[in-house]
Every structure is written in structure tokens, then in C-alpha cells.
């Protein structure tokens, strides 16, 4: 009986571990999004979706372009319906008017 319990425990651990590691592959995608940086440090895409901008070197540089239309390439993560973009690069598409 103890041996059976051990195999069940190891099997459950393997399943939990598999689900944990597989979730990373589905949770993040590299995308290019065009939109405008708003005053709340968010990227509002042309299609109306809003992305929180992750703070990193590129994100900090983007923050200087509030009100400017930019094209951002980065990793998009979605948690509980909220999207975050971790910017890898960006370019100004349309200067602030």
C-alpha cells in the first residue's frame, strides 16, 4: 500500500509540474503592437486594447513619448484578462502633435 501511495504522489507531482511549465508557453507571446502611449504608462492599441507597459530600459524610454503613436515589439502576457507588454524595442510612428 505504501508503494502505491508513493507512485500516486510522484505521478501527481509530475502532472502539476507539467502544467506549471506548459503554462509559460501559452501565457506569453512576442507581438508587435501599434498604438499610443497614454499618461497612465499604458499602450492603447489601434484596436482599442490596453496594455500595461512593463518597466525596463525600453519601457522607460517609451514613457517619454506620452501622446505619441508608437510601434512596439515585445512579449505580451495576459493574467486575469489584463495584458502587459514587456517591450523589447519600439519606434515612433507618428510624432506627438
PDB file of N, CA and C in Angstrom:
ATOM      1  N   UNK A   1       0.813  -1.195   0.000  1.00  0.00           N
ATOM      2  CA  UNK A   1       0.000   0.000   0.000  1.00  0.00           C
ATOM      3  C   UNK A   1       0.858   1.261   0.000  1.00  0.00           C
ATOM      4  N   UNK A   2       1.979   1.244   0.777  1.00  0.00           N
ATOM      5  CA  UNK A   2       2.863   2.405   0.813  1.00  0.00           C
ATOM      6  C   UNK A   2       3.491   2.658  -0.547  1.00  0.00           C
ATOM      7  N   UNK A   3       3.829   1.594  -1.260  1.00  0.00           N
ATOM      8  CA  UNK A   3       4.435   1.735  -2.583  1.00  0.00           C
ATOM      9  C   UNK A   3       3.445   2.398  -3.537  1.00  0.00           C
ATOM     10  N   UNK A   4       2.191   1.973  -3.490  1.00  0.00           N
ATOM     11  CA  UNK A   4       1.161   2.542  -4.356  1.00  0.00           C
ATOM     12  C   UNK A   4       0.975   4.033  -4.065  1.00  0.00           C
ATOM     13  N   UNK A   5       0.970   4.406  -2.803  1.00  0.00           N
ATOM     14  CA  UNK A   5       0.819   5.801  -2.405  1.00  0.00           C
ATOM     15  C   UNK A   5       1.985   6.640  -2.930  1.00  0.00           C
ATOM     16  N   UNK A   6       3.163   6.063  -2.896  1.00  0.00           N
ATOM     17  CA  UNK A   6       4.362   6.755  -3.387  1.00  0.00           C
ATOM     18  C   UNK A   6       4.241   7.012  -4.890  1.00  0.00           C
ATOM     19  N   UNK A   7       3.792   6.027  -5.662  1.00  0.00           N
ATOM     20  CA  UNK A   7       3.637   6.195  -7.104  1.00  0.00           C
ATOM     21  C   UNK A   7       2.567   7.233  -7.438  1.00  0.00           C
ATOM     22  N   UNK A   8       1.496   7.231  -6.679  1.00  0.00           N
ATOM     23  CA  UNK A   8       0.429   8.220  -6.891  1.00  0.00           C
ATOM     24  C   UNK A   8       0.963   9.618  -6.604  1.00  0.00           C
ATOM     25  N   UNK A   9       1.709   9.780  -5.528  1.00  0.00           N
ATOM     26  CA  UNK A   9       2.273  11.084  -5.167  1.00  0.00           C
ATOM     27  C   UNK A   9       3.248  11.567  -6.238  1.00  0.00           C
ATOM     28  N   UNK A  10       4.112  10.679  -6.708  1.00  0.00           N
ATOM     29  CA  UNK A  10       5.072  11.055  -7.753  1.00  0.00           C
ATOM     30  C   UNK A  10       4.332  11.402  -9.045  1.00  0.00           C
ATOM     31  N   UNK A  11       3.294  10.650  -9.367  1.00  0.00           N
ATOM     32  CA  UNK A  11       2.504  10.932 -10.571  1.00  0.00           C
ATOM     33  C   UNK A  11       1.817  12.283 -10.499  1.00  0.00           C
ATOM     34  N   UNK A  12       1.206  12.589  -9.369  1.00  0.00           N
ATOM     35  CA  UNK A  12       0.553  13.886  -9.196  1.00  0.00           C
ATOM     36  C   UNK A  12       1.562  15.029  -9.283  1.00  0.00           C
ATOM     37  N   UNK A  13       2.716  14.832  -8.672  1.00  0.00           N
ATOM     38  CA  UNK A  13       3.764  15.852  -8.741  1.00  0.00           C
ATOM     39  C   UNK A  13       4.178  16.096 -10.184  1.00  0.00           C
ATOM     40  N   UNK A  14       4.319  15.038 -10.965  1.00  0.00           N
ATOM     41  CA  UNK A  14       4.702  15.167 -12.373  1.00  0.00           C
ATOM     42  C   UNK A  14       3.634  15.921 -13.165  1.00  0.00           C
ATOM     43  N   UNK A  15       2.381  15.646 -12.902  1.00  0.00           N
ATOM     44  CA  UNK A  15       1.293  16.343 -13.600  1.00  0.00           C
ATOM     45  C   UNK A  15       1.295  17.823 -13.249  1.00  0.00           C
ATOM     46  N   UNK A  16       1.409  18.147 -11.976  1.00  0.00           N
ATOM     47  CA  UNK A  16       1.434  19.548 -11.547  1.00  0.00           C
ATOM     48  C   UNK A  16       2.628  20.273 -12.161  1.00  0.00           C
ATOM     49  N   UNK A  17       3.770  19.633 -12.157  1.00  0.00           N
ATOM     50  CA  UNK A  17       4.968  20.233 -12.744  1.00  0.00           C
ATOM     51  C   UNK A  17       4.799  20.465 -14.239  1.00  0.00           C
ATOM     52  N   UNK A  18       4.208  19.522 -14.933  1.00  0.00           N
ATOM     53  CA  UNK A  18       3.967  19.664 -16.377  1.00  0.00           C
ATOM     54  C   UNK A  18       3.035  20.825 -16.672  1.00  0.00           C
ATOM     55  N   UNK A  19       1.961  20.926 -15.912  1.00  0.00           N
ATOM     56  CA  UNK A  19       1.013  22.033 -16.112  1.00  0.00           C
ATOM     57  C   UNK A  19       1.702  23.359 -15.846  1.00  0.00           C
ATOM     58  N   UNK A  20       2.505  23.431 -14.809  1.00  0.00           N
ATOM     59  CA  UNK A  20       3.215  24.659 -14.463  1.00  0.00           C
ATOM     60  C   UNK A  20       4.120  25.114 -15.602  1.00  0.00           C
ATOM     61  N   UNK A  21       4.937  24.222 -16.124  1.00  0.00           N
ATOM     62  CA  UNK A  21       5.868  24.600 -17.183  1.00  0.00           C
ATOM     63  C   UNK A  21       5.172  24.842 -18.517  1.00  0.00           C
ATOM     64  N   UNK A  22       4.133  24.133 -18.807  1.00  0.00           N
ATOM     65  CA  UNK A  22       3.395  24.337 -20.062  1.00  0.00           C
ATOM     66  C   UNK A  22       2.664  25.666 -20.066  1.00  0.00           C
ATOM     67  N   UNK A  23       2.245  26.144 -18.912  1.00  0.00           N
ATOM     68  CA  UNK A  23       1.503  27.398 -18.856  1.00  0.00           C
ATOM     69  C   UNK A  23       2.354  28.571 -19.316  1.00  0.00           C
ATOM     70  N   UNK A  24       3.672  28.495 -19.141  1.00  0.00           N
ATOM     71  CA  UNK A  24       4.528  29.586 -19.604  1.00  0.00           C
ATOM     72  C   UNK A  24       4.495  29.699 -21.118  1.00  0.00           C
ATOM     73  N   UNK A  25       4.421  28.606 -21.813  1.00  0.00           N
ATOM     74  CA  UNK A  25       4.391  28.639 -23.275  1.00  0.00           C
ATOM     75  C   UNK A  25       3.137  29.261 -23.822  1.00  0.00           C
ATOM     76  N   UNK A  26       2.025  29.138 -23.109  1.00  0.00           N
ATOM     77  CA  UNK A  26       0.769  29.674 -23.583  1.00  0.00           C
ATOM     78  C   UNK A  26       0.500  31.076 -23.068  1.00  0.00           C
ATOM     79  N   UNK A  27       1.188  31.489 -22.020  1.00  0.00           N
ATOM     80  CA  UNK A  27       0.885  32.761 -21.376  1.00  0.00           C
ATOM     81  C   UNK A  27       1.583  33.939 -22.037  1.00  0.00           C
ATOM     82  N   UNK A  28       2.654  33.720 -22.754  1.00  0.00           N
ATOM     83  CA  UNK A  28       3.420  34.831 -23.296  1.00  0.00           C
ATOM     84  C   UNK A  28       3.704  34.616 -24.780  1.00  0.00           C
ATOM     85  N   UNK A  29       3.458  35.672 -25.559  1.00  0.00           N
ATOM     86  CA  UNK A  29       3.737  35.655 -26.986  1.00  0.00           C
ATOM     87  C   UNK A  29       4.451  36.936 -27.362  1.00  0.00           C
ATOM     88  N   UNK A  30       5.373  36.853 -28.315  1.00  0.00           N
ATOM     89  CA  UNK A  30       6.010  38.054 -28.833  1.00  0.00           C
ATOM     90  C   UNK A  30       5.130  38.617 -29.935  1.00  0.00           C
ATOM     91  N   UNK A  31       4.763  39.875 -29.785  1.00  0.00           N
ATOM     92  CA  UNK A  31       3.890  40.550 -30.743  1.00  0.00           C
ATOM     93  C   UNK A  31       4.430  41.928 -31.062  1.00  0.00           C
ATOM     94  N   UNK A  32       3.936  42.480 -32.155  1.00  0.00           N
ATOM     95  CA  UNK A  32       4.175  43.880 -32.481  1.00  0.00           C
ATOM     96  C   UNK A  32       2.826  44.577 -32.431  1.00  0.00           C
ATOM     97  N   UNK A  33       2.758  45.636 -31.624  1.00  0.00           N
ATOM     98  CA  UNK A  33       1.510  46.362 -31.412  1.00  0.00           C
ATOM     99  C   UNK A  33       1.739  47.829 -31.737  1.00  0.00           C
ATOM    100  N   UNK A  34       0.829  48.410 -32.488  1.00  0.00           N
ATOM    101  CA  UNK A  34       0.882  49.842 -32.797  1.00  0.00           C
ATOM    102  C   UNK A  34      -0.205  50.538 -32.001  1.00  0.00           C
ATOM    103  N   UNK A  35       0.171  51.614 -31.330  1.00  0.00           N
ATOM    104  CA  UNK A  35      -0.797  52.351 -30.529  1.00  0.00           C
ATOM    105  C   UNK A  35      -0.179  53.603 -29.944  1.00  0.00           C
ATOM    106  N   UNK A  36      -0.888  54.197 -29.001  1.00  0.00           N
ATOM    107  CA  UNK A  36      -0.473  55.454 -28.401  1.00  0.00           C
ATOM    108  C   UNK A  36      -0.180  55.249 -26.920  1.00  0.00           C
ATOM    109  N   UNK A  37       0.892  55.873 -26.442  1.00  0.00           N
ATOM    110  CA  UNK A  37       1.242  55.817 -25.027  1.00  0.00           C
ATOM    111  C   UNK A  37       0.402  56.859 -24.295  1.00  0.00           C
ATOM    112  N   UNK A  38      -0.343  56.410 -23.268  1.00  0.00           N
ATOM    113  CA  UNK A  38      -1.154  57.378 -22.523  1.00  0.00           C
ATOM    114  C   UNK A  38      -0.438  57.814 -21.248  1.00  0.00           C
ATOM    115  N   UNK A  39      -1.073  58.734 -20.517  1.00  0.00           N
ATOM    116  CA  UNK A  39      -0.452  59.305 -19.321  1.00  0.00           C
ATOM    117  C   UNK A  39      -0.380  58.318 -18.156  1.00  0.00           C
ATOM    118  N   UNK A  40      -1.051  57.175 -18.274  1.00  0.00           N
ATOM    119  CA  UNK A  40      -1.009  56.144 -17.238  1.00  0.00           C
ATOM    120  C   UNK A  40       0.046  55.081 -17.528  1.00  0.00           C
ATOM    121  N   UNK A  41       0.971  55.395 -18.441  1.00  0.00           N
ATOM    122  CA  UNK A  41       2.066  54.474 -18.785  1.00  0.00           C
ATOM    123  C   UNK A  41       1.511  53.190 -19.382  1.00  0.00           C
ATOM    124  N   UNK A  42       0.499  53.346 -20.241  1.00  0.00           N
ATOM    125  CA  UNK A  42      -0.124  52.218 -20.920  1.00  0.00           C
ATOM    126  C   UNK A  42      -0.023  52.442 -22.425  1.00  0.00           C
ATOM    127  N   UNK A  43      -0.043  51.334 -23.146  1.00  0.00           N
ATOM    128  CA  UNK A  43      -0.097  51.380 -24.601  1.00  0.00           C
ATOM    129  C   UNK A  43      -1.536  51.079 -25.001  1.00  0.00           C
ATOM    130  N   UNK A  44      -2.187  52.052 -25.645  1.00  0.00           N
ATOM    131  CA  UNK A  44      -3.550  51.859 -26.129  1.00  0.00           C
ATOM    132  C   UNK A  44      -3.426  51.551 -27.615  1.00  0.00           C
ATOM    133  N   UNK A  45      -3.675  50.296 -27.965  1.00  0.00           N
ATOM    134  CA  UNK A  45      -3.506  49.826 -29.339  1.00  0.00           C
ATOM    135  C   UNK A  45      -4.558  50.443 -30.252  1.00  0.00           C
ATOM    136  N   UNK A  46      -4.258  50.423 -31.546  1.00  0.00           N
ATOM    137  CA  UNK A  46      -5.189  50.958 -32.533  1.00  0.00           C
ATOM    138  C   UNK A  46      -6.538  50.242 -32.497  1.00  0.00           C
ATOM    139  N   UNK A  47      -6.550  48.986 -32.063  1.00  0.00           N
ATOM    140  CA  UNK A  47      -7.810  48.235 -31.994  1.00  0.00           C
ATOM    141  C   UNK A  47      -8.547  48.448 -30.669  1.00  0.00           C
ATOM    142  N   UNK A  48      -8.025  49.332 -29.813  1.00  0.00           N
ATOM    143  CA  UNK A  48      -8.680  49.665 -28.555  1.00  0.00           C
ATOM    144  C   UNK A  48      -8.203  48.887 -27.345  1.00  0.00           C
ATOM    145  N   UNK A  49      -7.405  47.836 -27.547  1.00  0.00           N
ATOM    146  CA  UNK A  49      -6.894  47.073 -26.407  1.00  0.00           C
ATOM    147  C   UNK A  49      -5.859  47.895 -25.651  1.00  0.00           C
ATOM    148  N   UNK A  50      -5.841  47.723 -24.339  1.00  0.00           N
ATOM    149  CA  UNK A  50      -4.901  48.447 -23.494  1.00  0.00           C
ATOM    150  C   UNK A  50      -3.897  47.470 -22.892  1.00  0.00           C
ATOM    151  N   UNK A  51      -2.628  47.837 -22.955  1.00  0.00           N
ATOM    152  CA  UNK A  51      -1.540  47.023 -22.424  1.00  0.00           C
ATOM    153  C   UNK A  51      -0.797  47.828 -21.374  1.00  0.00           C
ATOM    154  N   UNK A  52      -0.605  47.241 -20.203  1.00  0.00           N
ATOM    155  CA  UNK A  52       0.288  47.848 -19.216  1.00  0.00           C
ATOM    156  C   UNK A  52       1.705  47.696 -19.769  1.00  0.00           C
ATOM    157  N   UNK A  53       2.528  48.724 -19.614  1.00  0.00           N
ATOM    158  CA  UNK A  53       3.905  48.665 -20.110  1.00  0.00           C
ATOM    159  C   UNK A  53       4.822  48.287 -18.957  1.00  0.00           C
ATOM    160  N   UNK A  54       5.533  47.189 -19.116  1.00  0.00           N
ATOM    161  CA  UNK A  54       6.482  46.720 -18.097  1.00  0.00           C
ATOM    162  C   UNK A  54       7.631  47.717 -17.994  1.00  0.00           C
ATOM    163  N   UNK A  55       8.076  47.965 -16.784  1.00  0.00           N
ATOM    164  CA  UNK A  55       9.185  48.888 -16.564  1.00  0.00           C
ATOM    165  C   UNK A  55      10.491  48.149 -16.827  1.00  0.00           C
ATOM    166  N   UNK A  56      11.169  48.557 -17.877  1.00  0.00           N
ATOM    167  CA  UNK A  56      12.527  48.105 -18.192  1.00  0.00           C
ATOM    168  C   UNK A  56      13.180  49.256 -18.953  1.00  0.00           C
ATOM    169  N   UNK A  57      14.367  49.082 -19.483  1.00  0.00           N
ATOM    170  CA  UNK A  57      15.048  50.188 -20.172  1.00  0.00           C
ATOM    171  C   UNK A  57      14.225  50.720 -21.335  1.00  0.00           C
ATOM    172  N   UNK A  58      13.678  49.822 -22.147  1.00  0.00           N
ATOM    173  CA  UNK A  58      12.883  50.245 -23.310  1.00  0.00           C
ATOM    174  C   UNK A  58      11.580  50.883 -22.840  1.00  0.00           C
ATOM    175  N   UNK A  59      10.940  50.294 -21.839  1.00  0.00           N
ATOM    176  CA  UNK A  59       9.694  50.848 -21.311  1.00  0.00           C
ATOM    177  C   UNK A  59       9.879  52.243 -20.741  1.00  0.00           C
ATOM    178  N   UNK A  60      10.978  52.461 -20.048  1.00  0.00           N
ATOM    179  CA  UNK A  60      11.264  53.793 -19.507  1.00  0.00           C
ATOM    180  C   UNK A  60      11.453  54.813 -20.625  1.00  0.00           C
ATOM    181  N   UNK A  61      12.106  54.412 -21.687  1.00  0.00           N
ATOM    182  CA  UNK A  61      12.300  55.311 -22.828  1.00  0.00           C
ATOM    183  C   UNK A  61      10.956  55.617 -23.499  1.00  0.00           C
ATOM    184  N   UNK A  62      10.091  54.613 -23.583  1.00  0.00           N
ATOM    185  CA  UNK A  62       8.760  54.815 -24.172  1.00  0.00           C
ATOM    186  C   UNK A  62       7.950  55.815 -23.355  1.00  0.00           C
ATOM    187  N   UNK A  63       8.144  55.844 -22.041  1.00  0.00           N
ATOM    188  CA  UNK A  63       7.388  56.728 -21.159  1.00  0.00           C
ATOM    189  C   UNK A  63       7.604  58.197 -21.502  1.00  0.00           C
ATOM    190  N   UNK A  64       8.691  58.490 -22.174  1.00  0.00           N
ATOM    191  CA  UNK A  64       8.977  59.866 -22.589  1.00  0.00           C
ATOM    192  C   UNK A  64       8.140  60.284 -23.786  1.00  0.00           C
ATOM    193  N   UNK A  65       7.360  59.365 -24.346  1.00  0.00           N
ATOM    194  CA  UNK A  65       6.602  59.633 -25.573  1.00  0.00           C
ATOM    195  C   UNK A  65       5.093  59.599 -25.342  1.00  0.00           C
ATOM    196  N   UNK A  66       4.633  60.105 -24.185  1.00  0.00           N
ATOM    197  CA  UNK A  66       3.201  60.155 -23.894  1.00  0.00           C
ATOM    198  C   UNK A  66       2.498  60.958 -24.987  1.00  0.00           C
ATOM    199  N   UNK A  67       1.404  60.401 -25.495  1.00  0.00           N
ATOM    200  CA  UNK A  67       0.643  61.067 -26.550  1.00  0.00           C
ATOM    201  C   UNK A  67       1.164  60.785 -27.951  1.00  0.00           C
ATOM    202  N   UNK A  68       2.182  59.952 -28.048  1.00  0.00           N
ATOM    203  CA  UNK A  68       2.810  59.640 -29.330  1.00  0.00           C
ATOM    204  C   UNK A  68       2.398  58.252 -29.786  1.00  0.00           C
ATOM    205  N   UNK A  69       2.191  58.123 -31.096  1.00  0.00           N
ATOM    206  CA  UNK A  69       1.885  56.810 -31.657  1.00  0.00           C
ATOM    207  C   UNK A  69       3.194  56.075 -31.907  1.00  0.00           C
ATOM    208  N   UNK A  70       3.268  54.835 -31.374  1.00  0.00           N
ATOM    209  CA  UNK A  70       4.489  54.037 -31.477  1.00  0.00           C
ATOM    210  C   UNK A  70       4.157  52.628 -31.958  1.00  0.00           C
ATOM    211  N   UNK A  71       5.178  51.965 -32.471  1.00  0.00           N
ATOM    212  CA  UNK A  71       5.084  50.550 -32.830  1.00  0.00           C
ATOM    213  C   UNK A  71       6.031  49.811 -31.896  1.00  0.00           C
ATOM    214  N   UNK A  72       5.462  48.923 -31.060  1.00  0.00           N
ATOM    215  CA  UNK A  72       6.212  48.245 -30.012  1.00  0.00           C
ATOM    216  C   UNK A  72       6.270  46.750 -30.300  1.00  0.00           C
ATOM    217  N   UNK A  73       7.459  46.190 -30.179  1.00  0.00           N
ATOM    218  CA  UNK A  73       7.619  44.743 -30.262  1.00  0.00           C
ATOM    219  C   UNK A  73       8.043  44.260 -28.888  1.00  0.00           C
ATOM    220  N   UNK A  74       7.332  43.246 -28.390  1.00  0.00           N
ATOM    221  CA  UNK A  74       7.658  42.733 -27.067  1.00  0.00           C
ATOM    222  C   UNK A  74       6.862  41.499 -26.728  1.00  0.00           C
ATOM    223  N   UNK A  75       7.052  41.043 -25.533  1.00  0.00           N
ATOM    224  CA  UNK A  75       6.365  39.854 -25.042  1.00  0.00           C
ATOM    225  C   UNK A  75       5.089  40.304 -24.350  1.00  0.00           C
ATOM    226  N   UNK A  76       3.976  39.716 -24.761  1.00  0.00           N
ATOM    227  CA  UNK A  76       2.684  40.046 -24.175  1.00  0.00           C
ATOM    228  C   UNK A  76       2.263  38.908 -23.256  1.00  0.00           C
ATOM    229  N   UNK A  77       1.934  39.286 -22.035  1.00  0.00           N
ATOM    230  CA  UNK A  77       1.440  38.330 -21.054  1.00  0.00           C
ATOM    231  C   UNK A  77       0.037  38.757 -20.654  1.00  0.00           C
ATOM    232  N   UNK A  78      -0.831  37.780 -20.472  1.00  0.00           N
ATOM    233  CA  UNK A  78      -2.194  38.069 -20.042  1.00  0.00           C
ATOM    234  C   UNK A  78      -2.482  37.312 -18.762  1.00  0.00           C
ATOM    235  N   UNK A  79      -2.874  38.058 -17.736  1.00  0.00           N
ATOM    236  CA  UNK A  79      -3.222  37.461 -16.452  1.00  0.00           C
ATOM    237  C   UNK A  79      -4.566  38.037 -16.027  1.00  0.00           C
ATOM    238  N   UNK A  80      -5.524  37.169 -15.834  1.00  0.00           N
ATOM    239  CA  UNK A  80      -6.866  37.570 -15.406  1.00  0.00           C
ATOM    240  C   UNK A  80      -7.459  38.654 -16.302  1.00  0.00           C
ATOM    241  N   UNK A  81      -7.245  38.542 -17.592  1.00  0.00           N
ATOM    242  CA  UNK A  81      -7.820  39.478 -18.554  1.00  0.00           C
ATOM    243  C   UNK A  81      -7.049  40.768 -18.732  1.00  0.00           C
ATOM    244  N   UNK A  82      -6.025  40.997 -17.935  1.00  0.00           N
ATOM    245  CA  UNK A  82      -5.203  42.203 -18.048  1.00  0.00           C
ATOM    246  C   UNK A  82      -3.943  41.864 -18.841  1.00  0.00           C
ATOM    247  N   UNK A  83      -3.656  42.676 -19.861  1.00  0.00           N
ATOM    248  CA  UNK A  83      -2.500  42.412 -20.718  1.00  0.00           C
ATOM    249  C   UNK A  83      -1.342  43.341 -20.352  1.00  0.00           C
ATOM    250  N   UNK A  84      -0.158  42.765 -20.334  1.00  0.00           N
ATOM    251  CA  UNK A  84       1.070  43.516 -20.088  1.00  0.00           C
ATOM    252  C   UNK A  84       2.015  43.255 -21.244  1.00  0.00           C
ATOM    253  N   UNK A  85       2.684  44.309 -21.720  1.00  0.00           N
ATOM    254  CA  UNK A  85       3.700  44.135 -22.752  1.00  0.00           C
ATOM    255  C   UNK A  85       5.057  44.445 -22.136  1.00  0.00           C
ATOM    256  N   UNK A  86       5.986  43.526 -22.345  1.00  0.00           N
ATOM    257  CA  UNK A  86       7.370  43.721 -21.914  1.00  0.00           C
ATOM    258  C   UNK A  86       8.115  44.143 -23.175  1.00  0.00           C
ATOM    259  N   UNK A  87       8.329  45.448 -23.356  1.00  0.00           N
ATOM    260  CA  UNK A  87       8.872  45.936 -24.621  1.00  0.00           C
ATOM    261  C   UNK A  87      10.329  45.534 -24.842  1.00  0.00           C
ATOM    262  N   UNK A  88      10.584  45.055 -26.053  1.00  0.00           N
ATOM    263  CA  UNK A  88      11.955  44.728 -26.464  1.00  0.00           C
ATOM    264  C   UNK A  88      12.510  45.828 -27.359  1.00  0.00           C
ATOM    265  N   UNK A  89      11.626  46.453 -28.138  1.00  0.00           N
ATOM    266  CA  UNK A  89      12.016  47.580 -28.988  1.00  0.00           C
ATOM    267  C   UNK A  89      10.768  48.372 -29.349  1.00  0.00           C
ATOM    268  N   UNK A  90      10.977  49.609 -29.753  1.00  0.00           N
ATOM    269  CA  UNK A  90       9.866  50.422 -30.234  1.00  0.00           C
ATOM    270  C   UNK A  90      10.386  51.471 -31.210  1.00  0.00           C
ATOM    271  N   UNK A  91       9.469  51.994 -31.998  1.00  0.00           N
ATOM    272  CA  UNK A  91       9.803  53.101 -32.886  1.00  0.00           C
ATOM    273  C   UNK A  91       8.627  54.050 -32.929  1.00  0.00           C
ATOM    274  N   UNK A  92       8.920  55.332 -33.056  1.00  0.00           N
ATOM    275  CA  UNK A  92       7.875  56.338 -33.169  1.00  0.00           C
ATOM    276  C   UNK A  92       7.293  56.266 -34.574  1.00  0.00           C
ATOM    277  N   UNK A  93       5.974  56.125 -34.648  1.00  0.00           N
ATOM    278  CA  UNK A  93       5.285  56.028 -35.932  1.00  0.00           C
ATOM    279  C   UNK A  93       4.781  57.407 -36.344  1.00  0.00           C
ATOM    280  N   UNK A  94       4.229  58.108 -35.364  1.00  0.00           N
ATOM    281  CA  UNK A  94       3.629  59.416 -35.623  1.00  0.00           C
ATOM    282  C   UNK A  94       3.996  60.332 -34.463  1.00  0.00           C
ATOM    283  N   UNK A  95       4.804  61.354 -34.713  1.00  0.00           N
ATOM    284  CA  UNK A  95       5.188  62.254 -33.622  1.00  0.00           C
ATOM    285  C   UNK A  95       3.968  62.912 -32.965  1.00  0.00           C
ATOM    286  N   UNK A  96       4.129  63.248 -31.694  1.00  0.00           N
ATOM    287  CA  UNK A  96       3.083  63.927 -30.951  1.00  0.00           C
ATOM    288  C   UNK A  96       2.733  65.234 -31.642  1.00  0.00           C
ATOM    289  N   UNK A  97       1.425  65.484 -31.788  1.00  0.00           N
ATOM    290  CA  UNK A  97       1.014  66.727 -32.476  1.00  0.00           C
ATOM    291  C   UNK A  97       0.782  67.857 -31.536  1.00  0.00           C
TER     292      UNK A  97
END
